[in-house]
Amino acid sequence: MKEVSKQIMANPKIEICAFDGSRWLRLTARALEDDRYEARKHMLDAYPSLQKMYRPDDGNTQVFALEDCTGVFSSFTEEPRTVRF
């Protein structure tokens, strides 16, 4: 139902960026929907606070698997390090 879900379904190329105060991580990947009930249940079991709003079979809970991942770790003081998985 969310716009981000519609965008990912239309174009599965995603990028996630994070910063820990001194280093950045930029992760690029393809996000593929894992539409199994078991995957949705497992995700909700791992995040019990979401169970008040979502259920595995509500038609609004979605899980993605990431493929073709590349992570680049960067900082102002070190050379970038690239990891592919």
Protein backbone atom coordinates (compact mmCIF):
# COMPACT_ATOMS: atom_id res chain seq x y z
CA MET A 1 0.00 0.00 0.00
CA LYS A 2 2.90 2.40 0.64
CA GLU A 3 4.47 4.43 -2.15
CA VAL A 4 7.93 3.01 -1.45
CA SER A 5 6.58 -0.50 -2.03
CA LYS A 6 5.10 0.55 -5.37
CA GLN A 7 8.40 2.14 -6.38
CA ILE A 8 10.44 -0.95 -5.47
CA MET A 9 8.04 -3.23 -7.32
CA ALA A 10 8.30 -1.02 -10.43
CA ASN A 11 12.10 -0.62 -10.18
CA PRO A 12 13.83 -3.08 -7.81
CA LYS A 13 17.17 -1.26 -7.83
CA ILE A 14 17.56 0.10 -4.31
CA GLU A 15 20.18 2.02 -2.37
CA ILE A 16 20.53 2.25 1.39
CA CYS A 17 22.89 4.74 3.04
CA ALA A 18 23.99 4.80 6.67
CA PHE A 19 26.42 6.85 8.77
CA ASP A 20 27.85 5.86 12.15
CA GLY A 21 29.44 9.22 12.98
CA SER A 22 32.73 8.57 11.22
CA ARG A 23 32.05 6.19 8.31
CA TRP A 24 29.41 5.86 5.61
CA LEU A 25 27.98 2.72 4.10
CA ARG A 26 26.27 2.82 0.74
CA LEU A 27 24.56 -0.45 -0.16
CA THR A 28 23.19 -1.02 -3.65
CA ALA A 29 21.14 -4.10 -4.52
CA ARG A 30 18.11 -5.51 -6.26
CA ALA A 31 15.14 -6.00 -3.93
CA LEU A 32 12.99 -8.99 -4.80
CA GLU A 33 9.73 -9.63 -2.99
CA ASP A 34 9.65 -12.78 -0.87
CA ASP A 35 5.92 -13.42 -0.84
CA ARG A 36 6.01 -16.49 1.39
CA TYR A 37 3.83 -16.46 4.50
CA GLU A 38 6.78 -17.91 6.42
CA ALA A 39 9.00 -14.95 5.50
CA ARG A 40 6.41 -12.41 6.63
CA LYS A 41 5.79 -14.32 9.88
CA HIS A 42 9.52 -14.59 10.57
CA MET A 43 9.98 -10.84 10.06
CA LEU A 44 7.09 -10.00 12.40
CA ASP A 45 8.37 -12.48 15.00
CA ALA A 46 11.70 -10.63 14.92
CA TYR A 47 9.95 -7.26 15.44
CA PRO A 48 7.10 -7.86 17.92
CA SER A 49 6.26 -4.15 18.11
CA LEU A 50 4.99 -4.34 14.52
CA GLN A 51 2.50 -7.08 15.39
CA LYS A 52 0.03 -4.47 16.69
CA MET A 53 -0.20 -3.01 13.17
CA TYR A 54 0.56 -5.92 10.83
CA ARG A 55 -0.16 -9.64 10.38
CA PRO A 56 1.52 -12.09 7.99
CA ASP A 57 -1.73 -12.56 6.06
CA ASP A 58 -3.09 -8.98 6.09
CA GLY A 59 -2.12 -8.18 2.48
CA ASN A 60 -0.10 -5.21 3.75
CA THR A 61 3.02 -6.92 5.11
CA GLN A 62 5.87 -7.26 2.65
CA VAL A 63 9.36 -8.77 2.82
CA PHE A 64 12.15 -8.25 0.32
CA ALA A 65 15.30 -10.29 -0.27
CA LEU A 66 18.36 -8.43 -1.53
CA GLU A 67 20.41 -9.77 -4.45
CA ASP A 68 23.48 -8.50 -6.32
CA CYS A 69 24.57 -6.45 -3.30
CA THR A 70 27.51 -4.08 -3.26
CA GLY A 71 28.51 -2.28 -0.09
CA VAL A 72 30.97 0.62 -0.14
CA PHE A 73 32.43 1.77 3.17
CA SER A 74 33.80 5.33 3.02
CA SER A 75 35.33 7.91 5.33
CA PHE A 76 37.43 11.05 5.11
CA THR A 77 40.44 9.26 6.59
CA GLU A 78 40.52 5.85 4.85
CA GLU A 79 40.39 4.54 1.30
CA PRO A 80 36.92 3.24 0.33
CA ARG A 81 36.39 -0.48 0.80
CA THR A 82 33.97 -2.36 -1.48
CA VAL A 83 32.30 -5.63 -0.56
CA ARG A 84 30.12 -7.64 -2.95
CA PHE A 85 27.76 -10.35 -1.77
